[in-house]
């Protein structure tokens, strides 16, 4: 086990925000400055930063940088501050639509700003309160991820002393404020000597697993093996896999879960091989306004991600392309949803989860 510190995808001090440019990984570790919300929109859309929790945090902190940079005298009143925050988040929410964390954070912070303005708070009070709320997101995410790691570890080890794990896409320090969600569970197993081995998929077509998860696993000296997405069934048939754990960009009221494309077929293969399939998600990724997965907007990505590799065309020039960035895994294929507050596992008669009851405990 390693004492190597976890990677930082986000570096923030009041008035300054830098992100690890994930487009340059694993070849180079380069941090880029995010001076305002326009730069954040570009970074999120281009996937310089990705992962549902990290997207929301970078968006919020980019607005915080704008608020910290502006002289207090530049704001005539608190309503002007609230208007600026609302417009900034309206734009930021157009960057990537599938993950709920960004829209939830935008709604909460916009409502907070509006409430402060309505109460006739001073500009100083309004800006200070908003800065604290935005900065608290960074600290809370790390604490939530560690709690997810602990709950997931306990669930997976309930009937075994060690576990071989399989994960998809990237859900570690690079996708969050730190530690990670699904990869955080793998990290928690490793920290206590309970991880026998980790497998990660390459995650075509954008290769987040090969570029990012493999990078994290090597960086933290976690015993791991990279496989292609198409090797999962063969792996489960030939080697012992104790559990699959993936992240989530959105979990809806019945437990259906949107995650990186390829997650759904991974869940089907796990079901066939009787391998438990867990989703790791903070409660900020839960969207109770949507009854089931059919209501989730699925982002479609550029065709070039599929037809080109490092700028070189690998597909016939005139071929049509369908490139959804996410798919929806039905709740019936999910063993449990691991949150910072525990594991959602209680089912209704139709096999769906009662997410609302869990959150209301």
Foldseek 3Di string as FASTA:
>chain_A
DFPQFFDAQWDDDQLWIWGFQLVCFPVDGDIDTLQALVSLLVCLLVPRAAALARNQLSNLVRLRNVLSPDDLVVDPFLVSNLVSLLVSLVSSCVSAPFFQLNVLSSVVLSVLSVVCVVVRHGSVVSSVVSSVVSVVSLVVFVLFQLLLLVQLLCVLPVPHQAFEEEEEADFANRNHRHCGWQVVVVVSCVVVVRYPEYEYELQPLQRRRVGPVVSRCVSRVGHYYYDHLVCLLVCLVPDPGQAYEYEFSAAEQQGKTKDFPSVQVSLVSCVVSVHAYEYTYACSRYDHVDHHDVPGDWDWDDQCSVQDDPRHGPDDPPDDDTGTGIDIHAQQSHQWYRTSVHTFHDHDPVNTTRVVVVVVD
